[in-house]
């Protein structure tokens, strides 16, 4: 059998093709190149098992035979770099690192229409508004996968779900979950080049999260804001048995007013007076468990 992957031993990350591993903290640079970094044994394994395009992997020689069946099953040309684990730890800066990294390509934007067309039974979508913490975003992705959400909508003011820490905190479930990532609209620029671009209609629509939620409501999908200051309605009083999209907000300010106004209702997790709210990742787990509980009961 002919192997599609190439093995190379490395003792330095100065080679141009190894640049993504040298620049793991430059998330904007990676996003502009359309790539992401996967970190950790389980995350890299799930990337290799997924439909995502894999560019390269880096690990110590002890992992080669463990990953060989997955590498053999891939059809693209993958660069496999072998390095000593003590050297790999210097890339991440902490000793608990498992010595396994990979680079994959960010997939083309998912189509919400295609996602909705494939769903059988009651639809369950999750949307996030202005979420900046990559670890929290990764936790929400993992919760979506654990509680059978059909897709995640990432608002235009949120961090990318393909940041290294988000991918790591999702434990690789980002490779299983359809993601609709909305892009921030560019600020107006009166330069001649910008004027020409604005005269030509964009090839693809670029909605805001608020606009997309209104579009979901027009399709009969109820949009429910997870809002700690909801007036009266608590989680147990909400009905999640029909098609719905649950919206979670930022760590500090919660859901923006424009997004809140685009939802059908706001629902709160009951809290004692001394506690303001849960971490957004924990709140997502509570909401999604309640959705699953109600749907299994009916």
C-alpha atoms as a PDB file:
ATOM      1  CA  UNK A   1       0.000   0.000   0.000  1.00  0.00           C
ATOM      2  CA  UNK A   2       1.345   3.438  -0.954  1.00  0.00           C
ATOM      3  CA  UNK A   3       1.375   5.902   1.928  1.00  0.00           C
ATOM      4  CA  UNK A   4      -0.094   9.325   1.145  1.00  0.00           C
ATOM      5  CA  UNK A   5       1.754  10.967   4.011  1.00  0.00           C
ATOM      6  CA  UNK A   6       5.387  12.084   4.146  1.00  0.00           C
ATOM      7  CA  UNK A   7       7.517  11.555   7.253  1.00  0.00           C
ATOM      8  CA  UNK A   8      10.268  13.987   8.197  1.00  0.00           C
ATOM      9  CA  UNK A   9      12.261  14.231  11.416  1.00  0.00           C
ATOM     10  CA  UNK A  10      12.770  17.800  12.624  1.00  0.00           C
ATOM     11  CA  UNK A  11      14.840  19.406  15.350  1.00  0.00           C
ATOM     12  CA  UNK A  12      13.973  23.003  14.483  1.00  0.00           C
ATOM     13  CA  UNK A  13      10.782  24.806  13.524  1.00  0.00           C
ATOM     14  CA  UNK A  14      12.569  27.382  11.358  1.00  0.00           C
ATOM     15  CA  UNK A  15      11.374  25.781   8.109  1.00  0.00           C
ATOM     16  CA  UNK A  16       8.685  27.912   6.333  1.00  0.00           C
ATOM     17  CA  UNK A  17       6.195  25.014   6.223  1.00  0.00           C
ATOM     18  CA  UNK A  18       6.427  24.722  10.020  1.00  0.00           C
ATOM     19  CA  UNK A  19       5.514  28.391  10.538  1.00  0.00           C
ATOM     20  CA  UNK A  20       1.969  27.653  11.859  1.00  0.00           C
ATOM     21  CA  UNK A  21       3.498  25.811  14.809  1.00  0.00           C
ATOM     22  CA  UNK A  22       5.878  28.691  15.565  1.00  0.00           C
ATOM     23  CA  UNK A  23       3.046  31.219  15.458  1.00  0.00           C
ATOM     24  CA  UNK A  24       0.350  29.418  17.443  1.00  0.00           C
ATOM     25  CA  UNK A  25      -0.458  32.573  19.402  1.00  0.00           C
ATOM     26  CA  UNK A  26      -1.082  34.628  16.227  1.00  0.00           C
ATOM     27  CA  UNK A  27      -4.695  33.660  15.715  1.00  0.00           C
ATOM     28  CA  UNK A  28      -5.477  36.445  13.232  1.00  0.00           C
ATOM     29  CA  UNK A  29      -2.583  35.354  11.027  1.00  0.00           C
ATOM     30  CA  UNK A  30      -3.845  31.770  10.978  1.00  0.00           C
ATOM     31  CA  UNK A  31      -7.405  32.849  10.222  1.00  0.00           C
ATOM     32  CA  UNK A  32      -6.225  34.946   7.278  1.00  0.00           C
ATOM     33  CA  UNK A  33      -4.464  31.838   5.922  1.00  0.00           C
ATOM     34  CA  UNK A  34      -7.589  29.715   6.422  1.00  0.00           C
ATOM     35  CA  UNK A  35      -5.910  27.312   8.835  1.00  0.00           C
ATOM     36  CA  UNK A  36      -6.246  26.275  12.470  1.00  0.00           C
ATOM     37  CA  UNK A  37      -4.057  24.420  14.963  1.00  0.00           C
ATOM     38  CA  UNK A  38      -5.291  21.282  16.716  1.00  0.00           C
ATOM     39  CA  UNK A  39      -3.595  20.502  20.013  1.00  0.00           C
ATOM     40  CA  UNK A  40      -3.616  17.307  22.053  1.00  0.00           C
ATOM     41  CA  UNK A  41      -3.896  13.572  21.449  1.00  0.00           C
ATOM     42  CA  UNK A  42      -7.694  13.327  21.333  1.00  0.00           C
ATOM     43  CA  UNK A  43      -8.190  16.533  19.341  1.00  0.00           C
ATOM     44  CA  UNK A  44      -5.686  15.559  16.631  1.00  0.00           C
ATOM     45  CA  UNK A  45      -7.169  12.058  16.484  1.00  0.00           C
ATOM     46  CA  UNK A  46     -10.653  13.490  15.933  1.00  0.00           C
ATOM     47  CA  UNK A  47      -9.320  15.827  13.267  1.00  0.00           C
ATOM     48  CA  UNK A  48      -7.793  12.869  11.414  1.00  0.00           C
ATOM     49  CA  UNK A  49     -11.083  10.985  11.729  1.00  0.00           C
ATOM     50  CA  UNK A  50     -13.076  13.935  10.355  1.00  0.00           C
ATOM     51  CA  UNK A  51     -13.841  15.244   6.861  1.00  0.00           C
ATOM     52  CA  UNK A  52     -11.657  18.321   7.508  1.00  0.00           C
ATOM     53  CA  UNK A  53      -8.621  18.769   5.267  1.00  0.00           C
ATOM     54  CA  UNK A  54      -5.420  18.044   7.214  1.00  0.00           C
ATOM     55  CA  UNK A  55      -2.237  19.888   6.219  1.00  0.00           C
ATOM     56  CA  UNK A  56       0.306  18.414   8.635  1.00  0.00           C
ATOM     57  CA  UNK A  57       0.804  16.842  12.045  1.00  0.00           C
ATOM     58  CA  UNK A  58       3.658  17.015  14.529  1.00  0.00           C
ATOM     59  CA  UNK A  59       4.290  14.511  17.291  1.00  0.00           C
ATOM     60  CA  UNK A  60       6.993  12.449  18.906  1.00  0.00           C
ATOM     61  CA  UNK A  61       8.048   9.188  17.273  1.00  0.00           C
ATOM     62  CA  UNK A  62       6.237   7.136  19.924  1.00  0.00           C
ATOM     63  CA  UNK A  63       2.881   8.271  18.446  1.00  0.00           C
ATOM     64  CA  UNK A  64       3.606   7.319  14.830  1.00  0.00           C
ATOM     65  CA  UNK A  65       2.302   3.755  14.937  1.00  0.00           C
ATOM     66  CA  UNK A  66      -0.721   4.884  16.949  1.00  0.00           C
ATOM     67  CA  UNK A  67      -1.712   7.367  14.226  1.00  0.00           C
ATOM     68  CA  UNK A  68      -0.588   5.357  11.204  1.00  0.00           C
ATOM     69  CA  UNK A  69      -4.020   3.706  10.516  1.00  0.00           C
ATOM     70  CA  UNK A  70      -5.697   7.125  10.525  1.00  0.00           C
ATOM     71  CA  UNK A  71      -2.996   8.613   8.306  1.00  0.00           C
ATOM     72  CA  UNK A  72      -3.286   5.660   5.909  1.00  0.00           C
ATOM     73  CA  UNK A  73      -7.028   6.284   5.605  1.00  0.00           C
ATOM     74  CA  UNK A  74      -6.551   9.910   4.493  1.00  0.00           C
ATOM     75  CA  UNK A  75      -6.528  10.774   0.788  1.00  0.00           C
ATOM     76  CA  UNK A  76      -4.642  14.090   0.923  1.00  0.00           C
ATOM     77  CA  UNK A  77      -0.865  14.516   1.029  1.00  0.00           C
ATOM     78  CA  UNK A  78      -0.096  15.090   4.723  1.00  0.00           C
ATOM     79  CA  UNK A  79       3.290  16.119   6.109  1.00  0.00           C
ATOM     80  CA  UNK A  80       4.154  14.160   9.260  1.00  0.00           C
ATOM     81  CA  UNK A  81       6.879  15.805  11.326  1.00  0.00           C
ATOM     82  CA  UNK A  82       8.551  13.808  14.085  1.00  0.00           C
ATOM     83  CA  UNK A  83      10.259  15.656  16.932  1.00  0.00           C
ATOM     84  CA  UNK A  84      11.366  14.920  20.475  1.00  0.00           C
ATOM     85  CA  UNK A  85       8.687  15.609  23.053  1.00  0.00           C
ATOM     86  CA  UNK A  86      10.929  17.840  25.189  1.00  0.00           C
ATOM     87  CA  UNK A  87      11.366  20.018  22.111  1.00  0.00           C
ATOM     88  CA  UNK A  88       7.630  20.110  21.355  1.00  0.00           C
ATOM     89  CA  UNK A  89       6.822  21.331  24.871  1.00  0.00           C
ATOM     90  CA  UNK A  90       8.714  24.544  24.128  1.00  0.00           C
ATOM     91  CA  UNK A  91       6.123  25.415  21.477  1.00  0.00           C
ATOM     92  CA  UNK A  92       3.258  25.609  23.969  1.00  0.00           C
ATOM     93  CA  UNK A  93       5.125  26.679  27.078  1.00  0.00           C
ATOM     94  CA  UNK A  94       3.680  24.219  29.581  1.00  0.00           C
ATOM     95  CA  UNK A  95       4.799  20.750  30.612  1.00  0.00           C
ATOM     96  CA  UNK A  96       1.405  19.025  30.542  1.00  0.00           C
ATOM     97  CA  UNK A  97       1.325  19.290  26.749  1.00  0.00           C
ATOM     98  CA  UNK A  98       0.861  15.831  25.200  1.00  0.00           C
ATOM     99  CA  UNK A  99       3.333  16.325  22.384  1.00  0.00           C
ATOM    100  CA  UNK A 100       0.745  16.113  19.580  1.00  0.00           C
ATOM    101  CA  UNK A 101      -0.183  18.967  17.213  1.00  0.00           C
ATOM    102  CA  UNK A 102      -1.803  19.288  13.824  1.00  0.00           C
ATOM    103  CA  UNK A 103      -2.756  21.920  11.262  1.00  0.00           C
ATOM    104  CA  UNK A 104      -6.028  21.718   9.352  1.00  0.00           C
ATOM    105  CA  UNK A 105      -7.894  23.929   6.921  1.00  0.00           C
ATOM    106  CA  UNK A 106     -10.910  25.919   8.059  1.00  0.00           C
ATOM    107  CA  UNK A 107     -13.816  24.598   5.976  1.00  0.00           C
ATOM    108  CA  UNK A 108     -15.912  26.843   3.710  1.00  0.00           C
ATOM    109  CA  UNK A 109     -18.793  28.577   5.521  1.00  0.00           C
ATOM    110  CA  UNK A 110     -21.667  26.203   6.185  1.00  0.00           C
ATOM    111  CA  UNK A 111     -25.037  26.978   4.621  1.00  0.00           C
ATOM    112  CA  UNK A 112     -27.842  27.351   7.141  1.00  0.00           C
ATOM    113  CA  UNK A 113     -30.357  26.339   4.468  1.00  0.00           C
ATOM    114  CA  UNK A 114     -28.477  23.076   3.855  1.00  0.00           C
ATOM    115  CA  UNK A 115     -28.220  22.383   7.589  1.00  0.00           C
ATOM    116  CA  UNK A 116     -31.930  22.939   8.179  1.00  0.00           C
ATOM    117  CA  UNK A 117     -32.864  20.780   5.189  1.00  0.00           C
ATOM    118  CA  UNK A 118     -30.951  17.816   6.635  1.00  0.00           C
ATOM    119  CA  UNK A 119     -32.504  17.938  10.114  1.00  0.00           C
ATOM    120  CA  UNK A 120     -35.185  15.384  10.880  1.00  0.00           C
ATOM    121  CA  UNK A 121     -37.469  16.027  13.819  1.00  0.00           C
ATOM    122  CA  UNK A 122     -37.479  19.143  16.035  1.00  0.00           C
ATOM    123  CA  UNK A 123     -34.612  21.470  15.221  1.00  0.00           C
ATOM    124  CA  UNK A 124     -32.175  22.587  17.908  1.00  0.00           C
ATOM    125  CA  UNK A 125     -29.773  25.415  17.055  1.00  0.00           C
ATOM    126  CA  UNK A 126     -27.447  27.354  19.338  1.00  0.00           C
ATOM    127  CA  UNK A 127     -26.299  30.925  18.666  1.00  0.00           C
ATOM    128  CA  UNK A 128     -23.685  33.001  20.453  1.00  0.00           C
ATOM    129  CA  UNK A 129     -23.465  36.779  20.621  1.00  0.00           C
ATOM    130  CA  UNK A 130     -20.237  38.695  21.349  1.00  0.00           C
ATOM    131  CA  UNK A 131     -18.508  35.751  23.021  1.00  0.00           C
ATOM    132  CA  UNK A 132     -14.804  36.579  23.209  1.00  0.00           C
ATOM    133  CA  UNK A 133     -13.296  33.894  25.443  1.00  0.00           C
ATOM    134  CA  UNK A 134     -11.989  30.988  23.356  1.00  0.00           C
ATOM    135  CA  UNK A 135     -12.184  28.494  26.235  1.00  0.00           C
ATOM    136  CA  UNK A 136     -15.843  29.324  26.835  1.00  0.00           C
ATOM    137  CA  UNK A 137     -16.558  29.021  23.123  1.00  0.00           C
ATOM    138  CA  UNK A 138     -14.903  25.603  23.067  1.00  0.00           C
ATOM    139  CA  UNK A 139     -16.967  24.513  26.066  1.00  0.00           C
ATOM    140  CA  UNK A 140     -20.191  25.558  24.318  1.00  0.00           C
ATOM    141  CA  UNK A 141     -19.188  23.606  21.199  1.00  0.00           C
ATOM    142  CA  UNK A 142     -18.579  20.523  23.360  1.00  0.00           C
ATOM    143  CA  UNK A 143     -21.959  20.972  25.062  1.00  0.00           C
ATOM    144  CA  UNK A 144     -23.676  21.297  21.673  1.00  0.00           C
ATOM    145  CA  UNK A 145     -22.175  17.986  20.584  1.00  0.00           C
ATOM    146  CA  UNK A 146     -22.992  16.301  23.895  1.00  0.00           C
ATOM    147  CA  UNK A 147     -26.656  17.347  23.874  1.00  0.00           C
ATOM    148  CA  UNK A 148     -27.403  16.808  20.176  1.00  0.00           C
ATOM    149  CA  UNK A 149     -27.594  20.393  18.933  1.00  0.00           C
ATOM    150  CA  UNK A 150     -27.820  20.411  15.147  1.00  0.00           C
ATOM    151  CA  UNK A 151     -25.638  23.480  14.510  1.00  0.00           C
ATOM    152  CA  UNK A 152     -23.902  26.443  16.106  1.00  0.00           C
ATOM    153  CA  UNK A 153     -24.352  29.992  14.788  1.00  0.00           C
ATOM    154  CA  UNK A 154     -21.388  32.204  15.706  1.00  0.00           C
ATOM    155  CA  UNK A 155     -22.368  35.871  15.741  1.00  0.00           C
ATOM    156  CA  UNK A 156     -20.319  38.459  13.889  1.00  0.00           C
ATOM    157  CA  UNK A 157     -18.958  39.947  17.147  1.00  0.00           C
ATOM    158  CA  UNK A 158     -17.810  36.606  18.579  1.00  0.00           C
ATOM    159  CA  UNK A 159     -14.400  34.966  18.456  1.00  0.00           C
ATOM    160  CA  UNK A 160     -13.716  32.352  15.821  1.00  0.00           C
ATOM    161  CA  UNK A 161     -14.522  28.759  16.842  1.00  0.00           C
ATOM    162  CA  UNK A 162     -11.273  27.760  15.103  1.00  0.00           C
ATOM    163  CA  UNK A 163      -8.970  29.536  17.533  1.00  0.00           C
ATOM    164  CA  UNK A 164      -6.475  27.032  18.947  1.00  0.00           C
ATOM    165  CA  UNK A 165      -7.834  27.254  22.494  1.00  0.00           C
ATOM    166  CA  UNK A 166     -11.428  26.939  21.286  1.00  0.00           C
ATOM    167  CA  UNK A 167     -10.573  23.830  19.249  1.00  0.00           C
ATOM    168  CA  UNK A 168      -8.677  22.393  22.222  1.00  0.00           C
ATOM    169  CA  UNK A 169     -11.462  23.113  24.728  1.00  0.00           C
ATOM    170  CA  UNK A 170     -14.047  21.580  22.402  1.00  0.00           C
ATOM    171  CA  UNK A 171     -12.015  18.342  22.655  1.00  0.00           C
ATOM    172  CA  UNK A 172     -12.260  18.071  18.883  1.00  0.00           C
ATOM    173  CA  UNK A 173     -16.063  18.103  18.779  1.00  0.00           C
ATOM    174  CA  UNK A 174     -15.764  21.158  16.504  1.00  0.00           C
ATOM    175  CA  UNK A 175     -15.084  18.601  13.754  1.00  0.00           C
ATOM    176  CA  UNK A 176     -18.506  17.010  14.329  1.00  0.00           C
ATOM    177  CA  UNK A 177     -20.693  20.110  14.670  1.00  0.00           C
ATOM    178  CA  UNK A 178     -21.930  22.184  11.699  1.00  0.00           C
ATOM    179  CA  UNK A 179     -20.941  25.813  12.292  1.00  0.00           C
ATOM    180  CA  UNK A 180     -22.388  28.917  10.637  1.00  0.00           C
ATOM    181  CA  UNK A 181     -19.849  31.679  11.257  1.00  0.00           C
ATOM    182  CA  UNK A 182     -21.107  35.203  10.567  1.00  0.00           C
ATOM    183  CA  UNK A 183     -18.543  37.812   9.554  1.00  0.00           C
ATOM    184  CA  UNK A 184     -18.306  41.362  10.832  1.00  0.00           C
ATOM    185  CA  UNK A 185     -19.298  43.925   8.242  1.00  0.00           C
ATOM    186  CA  UNK A 186     -16.468  46.183   7.149  1.00  0.00           C
ATOM    187  CA  UNK A 187     -16.580  49.799   8.258  1.00  0.00           C
ATOM    188  CA  UNK A 188     -17.395  52.220   5.433  1.00  0.00           C
ATOM    189  CA  UNK A 189     -14.319  53.471   3.566  1.00  0.00           C
ATOM    190  CA  UNK A 190     -14.600  56.215   1.004  1.00  0.00           C
ATOM    191  CA  UNK A 191     -11.471  55.273  -0.911  1.00  0.00           C
ATOM    192  CA  UNK A 192     -11.935  54.737  -4.645  1.00  0.00           C
ATOM    193  CA  UNK A 193     -11.283  51.007  -4.309  1.00  0.00           C
ATOM    194  CA  UNK A 194     -13.844  50.704  -1.531  1.00  0.00           C
ATOM    195  CA  UNK A 195     -16.401  52.635  -3.573  1.00  0.00           C
ATOM    196  CA  UNK A 196     -15.947  50.214  -6.472  1.00  0.00           C
ATOM    197  CA  UNK A 197     -16.386  47.243  -4.148  1.00  0.00           C
ATOM    198  CA  UNK A 198     -19.556  48.701  -2.686  1.00  0.00           C
ATOM    199  CA  UNK A 199     -21.017  49.282  -6.152  1.00  0.00           C
ATOM    200  CA  UNK A 200     -20.810  45.523  -6.800  1.00  0.00           C
ATOM    201  CA  UNK A 201     -23.295  43.451  -4.748  1.00  0.00           C
ATOM    202  CA  UNK A 202     -21.559  40.830  -2.561  1.00  0.00           C
ATOM    203  CA  UNK A 203     -21.605  37.287  -3.888  1.00  0.00           C
ATOM    204  CA  UNK A 204     -22.863  35.945  -0.562  1.00  0.00           C
ATOM    205  CA  UNK A 205     -25.203  37.576   1.963  1.00  0.00           C
ATOM    206  CA  UNK A 206     -23.513  38.849   5.111  1.00  0.00           C
ATOM    207  CA  UNK A 207     -26.273  38.990   7.740  1.00  0.00           C
ATOM    208  CA  UNK A 208     -25.849  40.029  11.343  1.00  0.00           C
ATOM    209  CA  UNK A 209     -26.877  37.647  14.095  1.00  0.00           C
ATOM    210  CA  UNK A 210     -29.954  39.778  14.806  1.00  0.00           C
ATOM    211  CA  UNK A 211     -31.006  39.535  11.144  1.00  0.00           C
ATOM    212  CA  UNK A 212     -30.411  35.796  11.051  1.00  0.00           C
ATOM    213  CA  UNK A 213     -32.530  35.275  14.175  1.00  0.00           C
ATOM    214  CA  UNK A 214     -35.388  37.221  12.586  1.00  0.00           C
ATOM    215  CA  UNK A 215     -35.004  34.993   9.539  1.00  0.00           C
ATOM    216  CA  UNK A 216     -35.226  31.882  11.725  1.00  0.00           C
ATOM    217  CA  UNK A 217     -38.400  33.200  13.342  1.00  0.00           C
ATOM    218  CA  UNK A 218     -39.893  33.735   9.885  1.00  0.00           C
ATOM    219  CA  UNK A 219     -39.295  30.000   9.284  1.00  0.00           C
ATOM    220  CA  UNK A 220     -41.182  29.100  12.458  1.00  0.00           C
ATOM    221  CA  UNK A 221     -38.082  28.501  14.619  1.00  0.00           C
ATOM    222  CA  UNK A 222     -38.517  30.081  18.052  1.00  0.00           C
ATOM    223  CA  UNK A 223     -35.485  32.069  19.240  1.00  0.00           C
ATOM    224  CA  UNK A 224     -34.985  31.922  23.010  1.00  0.00           C
ATOM    225  CA  UNK A 225     -32.486  34.176  24.757  1.00  0.00           C
ATOM    226  CA  UNK A 226     -30.630  32.731  27.741  1.00  0.00           C
ATOM    227  CA  UNK A 227     -30.826  35.904  29.771  1.00  0.00           C
ATOM    228  CA  UNK A 228     -30.222  36.139  33.555  1.00  0.00           C
ATOM    229  CA  UNK A 229     -32.484  39.172  33.833  1.00  0.00           C
ATOM    230  CA  UNK A 230     -35.430  37.584  32.079  1.00  0.00           C
ATOM    231  CA  UNK A 231     -38.762  38.929  33.351  1.00  0.00           C
ATOM    232  CA  UNK A 232     -40.510  36.087  35.095  1.00  0.00           C
ATOM    233  CA  UNK A 233     -39.940  33.054  32.874  1.00  0.00           C
ATOM    234  CA  UNK A 234     -37.562  30.425  34.195  1.00  0.00           C
ATOM    235  CA  UNK A 235     -35.946  27.485  32.433  1.00  0.00           C
ATOM    236  CA  UNK A 236     -38.498  24.937  33.650  1.00  0.00           C
ATOM    237  CA  UNK A 237     -41.371  27.115  32.385  1.00  0.00           C
ATOM    238  CA  UNK A 238     -40.013  27.357  28.836  1.00  0.00           C
ATOM    239  CA  UNK A 239     -41.106  24.986  26.080  1.00  0.00           C
ATOM    240  CA  UNK A 240     -38.243  23.520  24.060  1.00  0.00           C
ATOM    241  CA  UNK A 241     -40.109  20.693  22.364  1.00  0.00           C
ATOM    242  CA  UNK A 242     -40.574  22.469  19.030  1.00  0.00           C
ATOM    243  CA  UNK A 243     -38.020  23.953  16.635  1.00  0.00           C
ATOM    244  CA  UNK A 244     -35.873  26.419  18.549  1.00  0.00           C
ATOM    245  CA  UNK A 245     -32.611  28.361  18.631  1.00  0.00           C
ATOM    246  CA  UNK A 246     -31.104  29.167  22.038  1.00  0.00           C
ATOM    247  CA  UNK A 247     -28.996  32.323  22.174  1.00  0.00           C
ATOM    248  CA  UNK A 248     -26.144  32.863  24.642  1.00  0.00           C
ATOM    249  CA  UNK A 249     -24.375  36.170  25.246  1.00  0.00           C
ATOM    250  CA  UNK A 250     -20.970  37.484  26.202  1.00  0.00           C
ATOM    251  CA  UNK A 251     -19.217  36.821  29.494  1.00  0.00           C
ATOM    252  CA  UNK A 252     -19.566  40.374  30.754  1.00  0.00           C
ATOM    253  CA  UNK A 253     -22.544  42.149  29.195  1.00  0.00           C
ATOM    254  CA  UNK A 254     -24.681  39.192  28.148  1.00  0.00           C
ATOM    255  CA  UNK A 255     -26.826  39.424  25.026  1.00  0.00           C
ATOM    256  CA  UNK A 256     -26.814  42.742  23.165  1.00  0.00           C
ATOM    257  CA  UNK A 257     -30.080  44.653  22.972  1.00  0.00           C
ATOM    258  CA  UNK A 258     -30.356  44.249  19.196  1.00  0.00           C
ATOM    259  CA  UNK A 259     -30.037  40.468  19.457  1.00  0.00           C
ATOM    260  CA  UNK A 260     -32.329  40.328  22.486  1.00  0.00           C
ATOM    261  CA  UNK A 261     -34.985  42.287  20.571  1.00  0.00           C
ATOM    262  CA  UNK A 262     -34.733  39.739  17.750  1.00  0.00           C
ATOM    263  CA  UNK A 263     -35.664  36.821  20.033  1.00  0.00           C
ATOM    264  CA  UNK A 264     -39.173  35.569  20.823  1.00  0.00           C
ATOM    265  CA  UNK A 265     -38.572  35.466  24.565  1.00  0.00           C
ATOM    266  CA  UNK A 266     -35.935  35.511  27.301  1.00  0.00           C
ATOM    267  CA  UNK A 267     -35.503  32.694  29.808  1.00  0.00           C
ATOM    268  CA  UNK A 268     -33.426  32.575  32.993  1.00  0.00           C
ATOM    269  CA  UNK A 269     -31.885  29.843  35.101  1.00  0.00           C
ATOM    270  CA  UNK A 270     -33.229  30.366  38.658  1.00  0.00           C
ATOM    271  CA  UNK A 271     -30.490  31.743  40.921  1.00  0.00           C
ATOM    272  CA  UNK A 272     -30.236  32.763  44.578  1.00  0.00           C
ATOM    273  CA  UNK A 273     -30.053  36.529  45.129  1.00  0.00           C
ATOM    274  CA  UNK A 274     -26.355  36.367  45.950  1.00  0.00           C
ATOM    275  CA  UNK A 275     -25.411  34.910  42.530  1.00  0.00           C
ATOM    276  CA  UNK A 276     -25.678  36.903  39.311  1.00  0.00           C
ATOM    277  CA  UNK A 277     -25.289  34.127  36.741  1.00  0.00           C
ATOM    278  CA  UNK A 278     -23.382  31.031  35.710  1.00  0.00           C
ATOM    279  CA  UNK A 279     -20.367  30.944  33.427  1.00  0.00           C
ATOM    280  CA  UNK A 280     -21.717  30.862  29.862  1.00  0.00           C
ATOM    281  CA  UNK A 281     -20.345  27.366  29.242  1.00  0.00           C
ATOM    282  CA  UNK A 282     -22.078  26.044  32.359  1.00  0.00           C
ATOM    283  CA  UNK A 283     -25.293  27.880  31.467  1.00  0.00           C
ATOM    284  CA  UNK A 284     -25.250  26.306  28.001  1.00  0.00           C
ATOM    285  CA  UNK A 285     -24.955  22.838  29.537  1.00  0.00           C
ATOM    286  CA  UNK A 286     -27.936  23.497  31.829  1.00  0.00           C
ATOM    287  CA  UNK A 287     -30.109  24.838  28.991  1.00  0.00           C
ATOM    288  CA  UNK A 288     -29.238  22.063  26.570  1.00  0.00           C
ATOM    289  CA  UNK A 289     -29.811  19.368  29.172  1.00  0.00           C
ATOM    290  CA  UNK A 290     -33.283  20.805  29.808  1.00  0.00           C
ATOM    291  CA  UNK A 291     -34.017  20.759  26.073  1.00  0.00           C
ATOM    292  CA  UNK A 292     -32.993  17.113  25.875  1.00  0.00           C
ATOM    293  CA  UNK A 293     -34.977  16.233  28.999  1.00  0.00           C
ATOM    294  CA  UNK A 294     -38.171  17.797  27.664  1.00  0.00           C
ATOM    295  CA  UNK A 295     -37.830  16.194  24.240  1.00  0.00           C
ATOM    296  CA  UNK A 296     -37.158  12.730  25.626  1.00  0.00           C
ATOM    297  CA  UNK A 297     -40.125  13.070  27.944  1.00  0.00           C
ATOM    298  CA  UNK A 298     -42.478  13.820  25.063  1.00  0.00           C
END
